[in-house]
N, C-alpha and C. Protein backbone atom coordinates (compact mmCIF):
# COMPACT_ATOMS: atom_id res chain seq x y z
N MET A 1 147.84 34.37 208.91
CA MET A 1 147.96 33.28 207.98
C MET A 1 148.95 33.59 206.87
N TYR A 2 149.03 34.82 206.42
CA TYR A 2 149.91 35.22 205.35
C TYR A 2 150.77 36.36 205.84
N SER A 3 152.10 36.24 205.73
CA SER A 3 152.98 37.19 206.40
C SER A 3 153.61 38.24 205.50
N SER A 4 153.59 38.07 204.21
CA SER A 4 154.25 39.02 203.32
C SER A 4 153.48 40.32 203.23
N ALA A 5 154.23 41.42 203.13
CA ALA A 5 153.59 42.74 203.03
C ALA A 5 153.08 42.98 201.62
N TYR A 6 153.63 42.28 200.64
CA TYR A 6 153.22 42.48 199.25
C TYR A 6 152.54 41.23 198.72
N HIS A 7 151.34 41.38 198.23
CA HIS A 7 150.63 40.25 197.63
C HIS A 7 150.91 40.25 196.13
N HIS A 8 151.60 39.24 195.66
CA HIS A 8 151.88 39.13 194.23
C HIS A 8 150.57 38.95 193.48
N LYS A 9 150.49 39.54 192.30
CA LYS A 9 149.27 39.49 191.51
C LYS A 9 149.45 38.72 190.21
N ILE A 10 150.61 38.13 189.99
CA ILE A 10 150.87 37.37 188.77
C ILE A 10 150.39 35.94 188.99
N VAL A 11 149.39 35.53 188.22
CA VAL A 11 148.85 34.18 188.33
C VAL A 11 149.65 33.26 187.41
N LEU A 12 150.28 32.24 187.99
CA LEU A 12 151.05 31.29 187.21
C LEU A 12 150.19 30.17 186.65
N LEU A 13 149.16 29.80 187.40
CA LEU A 13 148.30 28.68 187.01
C LEU A 13 146.96 28.83 187.72
N THR A 14 145.89 28.48 187.05
CA THR A 14 144.57 28.50 187.67
C THR A 14 143.74 27.35 187.14
N SER A 15 142.92 26.79 188.00
CA SER A 15 142.01 25.72 187.60
C SER A 15 140.94 25.57 188.67
N SER A 16 139.93 24.80 188.35
CA SER A 16 138.91 24.52 189.36
C SER A 16 139.44 23.47 190.33
N PHE A 17 138.82 23.42 191.49
CA PHE A 17 139.24 22.45 192.50
C PHE A 17 138.04 22.07 193.36
N GLN A 18 138.21 20.98 194.09
CA GLN A 18 137.24 20.57 195.10
C GLN A 18 137.98 20.45 196.43
N TYR A 19 137.29 20.84 197.47
CA TYR A 19 137.84 20.82 198.82
C TYR A 19 137.02 19.81 199.61
N PRO A 20 137.53 18.58 199.81
CA PRO A 20 136.70 17.53 200.39
C PRO A 20 135.95 17.85 201.68
N PRO A 21 136.50 18.66 202.64
CA PRO A 21 135.71 18.92 203.85
C PRO A 21 134.47 19.77 203.60
N ARG A 22 134.42 20.51 202.50
CA ARG A 22 133.29 21.39 202.20
C ARG A 22 132.85 21.21 200.77
N ARG A 23 131.56 21.42 200.55
CA ARG A 23 131.04 21.46 199.19
C ARG A 23 131.11 22.91 198.72
N LEU A 24 131.92 23.15 197.72
CA LEU A 24 132.08 24.51 197.22
C LEU A 24 131.54 24.60 195.80
N LEU A 25 130.90 25.73 195.51
CA LEU A 25 130.48 26.04 194.16
C LEU A 25 131.50 26.99 193.55
N PHE A 26 131.78 26.82 192.30
CA PHE A 26 132.70 27.68 191.57
C PHE A 26 134.06 27.76 192.24
N GLY A 27 134.54 26.64 192.77
CA GLY A 27 135.86 26.61 193.41
C GLY A 27 136.96 26.88 192.41
N ARG A 28 137.87 27.75 192.76
CA ARG A 28 138.97 28.14 191.89
C ARG A 28 140.26 28.17 192.69
N ALA A 29 141.29 27.48 192.20
CA ALA A 29 142.62 27.50 192.81
C ALA A 29 143.54 28.31 191.90
N ARG A 30 144.26 29.25 192.48
CA ARG A 30 145.18 30.09 191.73
C ARG A 30 146.57 30.01 192.36
N LEU A 31 147.55 29.72 191.52
CA LEU A 31 148.94 29.68 191.97
C LEU A 31 149.59 31.00 191.64
N TYR A 32 150.08 31.68 192.68
CA TYR A 32 150.83 32.91 192.53
C TYR A 32 152.30 32.60 192.81
N LEU A 33 153.16 33.59 192.73
CA LEU A 33 154.58 33.38 192.96
C LEU A 33 154.87 32.89 194.37
N ASP A 34 154.04 33.29 195.35
CA ASP A 34 154.33 32.99 196.75
C ASP A 34 153.24 32.24 197.49
N ARG A 35 152.14 31.93 196.83
CA ARG A 35 151.01 31.32 197.54
C ARG A 35 150.05 30.64 196.57
N ILE A 36 149.15 29.86 197.14
CA ILE A 36 148.01 29.32 196.41
C ILE A 36 146.77 29.91 197.07
N GLU A 37 145.91 30.51 196.29
CA GLU A 37 144.66 31.05 196.80
C GLU A 37 143.52 30.15 196.36
N LEU A 38 142.66 29.82 197.32
CA LEU A 38 141.48 29.00 197.07
C LEU A 38 140.25 29.85 197.30
N THR A 39 139.38 29.93 196.30
CA THR A 39 138.15 30.71 196.44
C THR A 39 136.97 29.90 195.94
N GLY A 40 135.81 30.26 196.41
CA GLY A 40 134.58 29.61 195.99
C GLY A 40 133.42 30.09 196.85
N TRP A 41 132.28 29.43 196.69
CA TRP A 41 131.08 29.77 197.46
C TRP A 41 130.59 28.54 198.20
N HIS A 42 130.19 28.75 199.46
CA HIS A 42 129.67 27.68 200.30
C HIS A 42 128.39 28.17 200.97
N VAL A 43 127.26 27.66 200.57
CA VAL A 43 125.95 27.99 201.13
C VAL A 43 125.80 29.50 201.36
N GLY A 44 125.92 30.26 200.28
CA GLY A 44 125.67 31.69 200.35
C GLY A 44 126.78 32.55 200.90
N GLU A 45 127.89 31.94 201.33
CA GLU A 45 129.00 32.74 201.83
C GLU A 45 130.25 32.45 201.02
N LYS A 46 131.08 33.46 200.91
CA LYS A 46 132.30 33.32 200.13
C LYS A 46 133.36 32.57 200.93
N PHE A 47 134.04 31.64 200.26
CA PHE A 47 135.13 30.88 200.86
C PHE A 47 136.44 31.43 200.29
N HIS A 48 137.42 31.67 201.16
CA HIS A 48 138.73 32.15 200.74
C HIS A 48 139.77 31.57 201.69
N ALA A 49 140.79 30.93 201.13
CA ALA A 49 141.87 30.36 201.94
C ALA A 49 143.19 30.55 201.20
N LEU A 50 144.27 30.60 201.96
CA LEU A 50 145.61 30.76 201.40
C LEU A 50 146.50 29.60 201.84
N ILE A 51 147.36 29.18 200.95
CA ILE A 51 148.42 28.23 201.27
C ILE A 51 149.73 28.91 200.90
N PRO A 52 150.44 29.50 201.89
CA PRO A 52 151.73 30.15 201.59
C PRO A 52 152.76 29.09 201.19
N LEU A 53 153.43 29.29 200.08
CA LEU A 53 154.38 28.30 199.60
C LEU A 53 155.59 28.15 200.53
N ASP A 54 155.94 29.21 201.26
CA ASP A 54 157.08 29.10 202.16
C ASP A 54 156.76 28.29 203.41
N GLU A 55 155.50 27.92 203.63
CA GLU A 55 155.11 27.08 204.77
C GLU A 55 154.89 25.63 204.38
N VAL A 56 155.00 25.30 203.09
CA VAL A 56 154.78 23.94 202.62
C VAL A 56 156.04 23.12 202.85
N CYS A 57 155.90 22.03 203.62
CA CYS A 57 157.03 21.13 203.86
C CYS A 57 157.10 20.03 202.81
N ARG A 58 155.91 19.56 202.41
CA ARG A 58 155.86 18.40 201.53
C ARG A 58 154.51 18.39 200.82
N ILE A 59 154.51 17.85 199.60
CA ILE A 59 153.27 17.67 198.85
C ILE A 59 153.21 16.22 198.41
N GLU A 60 152.11 15.55 198.72
CA GLU A 60 151.88 14.19 198.24
C GLU A 60 150.96 14.27 197.03
N TRP A 61 151.32 13.58 195.97
CA TRP A 61 150.52 13.57 194.75
C TRP A 61 149.93 12.19 194.54
N HIS A 62 148.65 12.14 194.23
CA HIS A 62 147.93 10.89 193.95
C HIS A 62 147.20 11.08 192.62
N LEU A 63 147.93 10.92 191.53
CA LEU A 63 147.40 11.24 190.21
C LEU A 63 146.90 10.01 189.44
N GLU A 64 146.79 8.89 190.11
CA GLU A 64 146.38 7.66 189.44
C GLU A 64 144.93 7.66 188.99
N GLY A 65 144.13 8.59 189.48
CA GLY A 65 142.73 8.65 189.09
C GLY A 65 141.78 8.11 190.14
N GLY A 66 142.20 8.04 191.38
CA GLY A 66 141.33 7.58 192.45
C GLY A 66 140.26 8.61 192.79
N ALA A 67 139.36 8.24 193.67
CA ALA A 67 138.24 9.12 194.02
C ALA A 67 138.63 10.19 195.05
N GLY A 68 139.73 10.02 195.73
CA GLY A 68 140.10 10.95 196.79
C GLY A 68 140.88 12.14 196.28
N PRO A 69 141.48 12.89 197.21
CA PRO A 69 142.27 14.06 196.83
C PRO A 69 143.51 13.67 196.03
N ASN A 70 143.87 14.51 195.06
CA ASN A 70 145.07 14.21 194.27
C ASN A 70 146.28 15.04 194.71
N ALA A 71 146.07 16.01 195.62
CA ALA A 71 147.17 16.81 196.16
C ALA A 71 146.97 16.98 197.66
N VAL A 72 147.97 16.59 198.44
CA VAL A 72 147.91 16.71 199.90
C VAL A 72 149.10 17.58 200.32
N PHE A 73 148.79 18.76 200.87
CA PHE A 73 149.81 19.72 201.29
C PHE A 73 150.06 19.56 202.79
N HIS A 74 151.32 19.35 203.17
CA HIS A 74 151.72 19.27 204.57
C HIS A 74 152.44 20.58 204.91
N LEU A 75 151.89 21.32 205.87
CA LEU A 75 152.45 22.62 206.24
C LEU A 75 153.33 22.50 207.48
N GLU A 76 154.17 23.52 207.69
CA GLU A 76 155.10 23.51 208.82
C GLU A 76 154.41 23.43 210.17
N ASP A 77 153.22 24.01 210.30
CA ASP A 77 152.52 24.00 211.58
C ASP A 77 151.73 22.71 211.83
N GLY A 78 151.90 21.71 210.96
CA GLY A 78 151.25 20.42 211.15
C GLY A 78 149.92 20.27 210.42
N ARG A 79 149.40 21.36 209.86
CA ARG A 79 148.14 21.26 209.13
C ARG A 79 148.33 20.46 207.85
N VAL A 80 147.27 19.76 207.46
CA VAL A 80 147.26 19.01 206.22
C VAL A 80 146.06 19.49 205.42
N ILE A 81 146.29 19.91 204.18
CA ILE A 81 145.22 20.41 203.32
C ILE A 81 145.12 19.49 202.12
N GLU A 82 143.95 18.86 201.97
CA GLU A 82 143.71 17.93 200.88
C GLU A 82 142.85 18.60 199.83
N LEU A 83 143.27 18.51 198.56
CA LEU A 83 142.54 19.13 197.47
C LEU A 83 142.40 18.16 196.30
N VAL A 84 141.34 18.33 195.54
CA VAL A 84 141.19 17.66 194.26
C VAL A 84 141.34 18.76 193.21
N LEU A 85 142.49 18.79 192.56
CA LEU A 85 142.80 19.82 191.58
C LEU A 85 142.55 19.30 190.17
N LYS A 86 141.84 20.05 189.37
CA LYS A 86 141.74 19.72 187.94
C LYS A 86 143.12 19.96 187.36
N GLN A 87 143.48 19.23 186.35
CA GLN A 87 144.80 19.31 185.73
C GLN A 87 145.89 19.02 186.77
N GLY A 88 145.71 17.96 187.53
CA GLY A 88 146.63 17.64 188.61
C GLY A 88 148.08 17.49 188.18
N SER A 89 148.32 16.87 187.02
CA SER A 89 149.70 16.68 186.58
C SER A 89 150.35 18.02 186.22
N LEU A 90 149.58 18.96 185.67
CA LEU A 90 150.12 20.29 185.38
C LEU A 90 150.46 21.02 186.68
N TRP A 91 149.59 20.91 187.69
CA TRP A 91 149.87 21.50 189.00
C TRP A 91 151.13 20.88 189.61
N LYS A 92 151.25 19.58 189.50
CA LYS A 92 152.43 18.90 190.06
C LYS A 92 153.70 19.43 189.42
N HIS A 93 153.71 19.46 188.11
CA HIS A 93 154.90 19.93 187.39
C HIS A 93 155.22 21.39 187.76
N THR A 94 154.22 22.25 187.73
CA THR A 94 154.44 23.67 188.01
C THR A 94 154.90 23.90 189.44
N LEU A 95 154.27 23.23 190.40
CA LEU A 95 154.66 23.41 191.80
C LEU A 95 156.05 22.85 192.09
N GLU A 96 156.39 21.72 191.50
CA GLU A 96 157.72 21.17 191.72
C GLU A 96 158.79 22.10 191.17
N GLU A 97 158.55 22.67 190.00
CA GLU A 97 159.50 23.63 189.45
C GLU A 97 159.57 24.89 190.31
N ARG A 98 158.43 25.37 190.75
CA ARG A 98 158.38 26.59 191.58
C ARG A 98 159.06 26.38 192.92
N MET A 99 158.78 25.25 193.57
CA MET A 99 159.36 24.99 194.89
C MET A 99 160.86 24.74 194.77
N ARG A 100 161.30 24.11 193.73
CA ARG A 100 162.73 23.87 193.54
C ARG A 100 163.45 25.20 193.35
N TRP A 101 162.81 26.13 192.63
CA TRP A 101 163.43 27.42 192.37
C TRP A 101 163.46 28.30 193.61
N SER A 102 162.38 28.30 194.40
CA SER A 102 162.29 29.23 195.51
C SER A 102 163.01 28.76 196.76
N SER A 103 163.07 27.48 197.00
CA SER A 103 163.72 26.99 198.22
C SER A 103 164.38 25.65 197.97
N PRO A 104 165.56 25.65 197.34
CA PRO A 104 166.18 24.39 196.95
C PRO A 104 166.56 23.48 198.10
N GLY A 105 166.82 24.01 199.29
CA GLY A 105 167.24 23.17 200.40
C GLY A 105 166.10 22.57 201.19
N ARG A 106 164.88 23.13 201.07
CA ARG A 106 163.77 22.70 201.91
C ARG A 106 162.89 21.66 201.26
N TYR A 107 162.64 21.79 199.99
CA TYR A 107 161.66 20.93 199.34
C TYR A 107 162.38 19.73 198.73
N ARG A 108 162.11 18.57 199.24
CA ARG A 108 162.82 17.37 198.83
C ARG A 108 162.21 16.79 197.56
N LEU A 109 162.99 16.80 196.50
CA LEU A 109 162.58 16.21 195.24
C LEU A 109 163.59 15.13 194.88
N ALA A 110 163.26 14.37 193.86
CA ALA A 110 164.22 13.39 193.37
C ALA A 110 165.47 14.15 192.91
N PRO A 111 166.64 13.67 193.25
CA PRO A 111 167.85 14.40 192.87
C PRO A 111 167.98 14.49 191.35
N ALA A 112 168.42 15.65 190.89
CA ALA A 112 168.64 15.84 189.47
C ALA A 112 169.93 15.13 189.06
N ARG A 113 169.98 14.73 187.79
CA ARG A 113 171.19 14.09 187.29
C ARG A 113 172.33 15.09 187.27
N PRO A 114 173.51 14.67 187.65
CA PRO A 114 174.64 15.61 187.58
C PRO A 114 174.95 15.93 186.12
N PRO A 115 175.44 17.14 185.85
CA PRO A 115 175.77 17.47 184.46
C PRO A 115 176.89 16.60 183.94
N VAL A 116 176.83 16.30 182.66
CA VAL A 116 177.85 15.47 182.03
C VAL A 116 179.08 16.32 181.78
N ASP A 117 180.24 15.79 182.14
CA ASP A 117 181.49 16.50 181.86
C ASP A 117 181.84 16.32 180.40
N LEU A 118 181.95 17.43 179.69
CA LEU A 118 182.30 17.40 178.28
C LEU A 118 183.67 18.03 178.09
N PRO A 119 184.41 17.53 177.10
CA PRO A 119 185.64 18.24 176.74
C PRO A 119 185.29 19.64 176.24
N LEU A 120 186.22 20.57 176.36
CA LEU A 120 185.96 21.96 176.03
C LEU A 120 185.45 22.12 174.59
N SER A 121 186.03 21.42 173.65
CA SER A 121 185.62 21.58 172.25
C SER A 121 184.17 21.13 172.06
N GLU A 122 183.75 20.04 172.72
CA GLU A 122 182.36 19.57 172.61
C GLU A 122 181.40 20.50 173.34
N LEU A 123 181.86 21.07 174.48
CA LEU A 123 181.04 22.01 175.22
C LEU A 123 180.77 23.27 174.39
N ILE A 124 181.77 23.76 173.68
CA ILE A 124 181.60 24.92 172.81
C ILE A 124 180.64 24.60 171.68
N THR A 125 180.79 23.45 171.07
CA THR A 125 179.88 23.04 170.00
C THR A 125 178.45 22.92 170.51
N TYR A 126 178.29 22.31 171.68
CA TYR A 126 176.97 22.15 172.27
C TYR A 126 176.34 23.48 172.59
N SER A 127 177.08 24.38 173.24
CA SER A 127 176.49 25.66 173.67
C SER A 127 176.21 26.57 172.49
N THR A 128 177.00 26.54 171.44
CA THR A 128 176.71 27.38 170.28
C THR A 128 175.56 26.83 169.46
N GLY A 129 175.27 25.56 169.58
CA GLY A 129 174.14 24.97 168.85
C GLY A 129 172.82 25.18 169.53
N MET A 130 172.82 25.77 170.75
CA MET A 130 171.58 25.98 171.49
C MET A 130 170.82 27.21 171.00
N GLY A 131 171.45 28.07 170.25
CA GLY A 131 171.05 29.32 169.77
C GLY A 131 169.73 29.78 169.59
């Protein structure tokens, strides 16, 4: 399920979650540099699952406040993982930034605005004012 030899230990984001196919107690979703780890308890046994970010083809977000899942992950092997993430808009923002940074050609986002062409004198003024 997970192919990297090194498991990153830097947690970028964590929150509670619900996994609709199962009732989990103390469900916790953690975003690492290369994966999302899902942990919790289900009827006396520990639940642990991984979503490798390099296998994610697409993420559907449903943040309007409906009763269903607010994040639907589509993986390369055809699996679909539906989650109800607390702080869904924060997860959306963080994952979109992370996916854009790690694989710009694979993850389809709304195109960014092209940079504005400035004359050299205005560009110097702008860049020195960023200080």
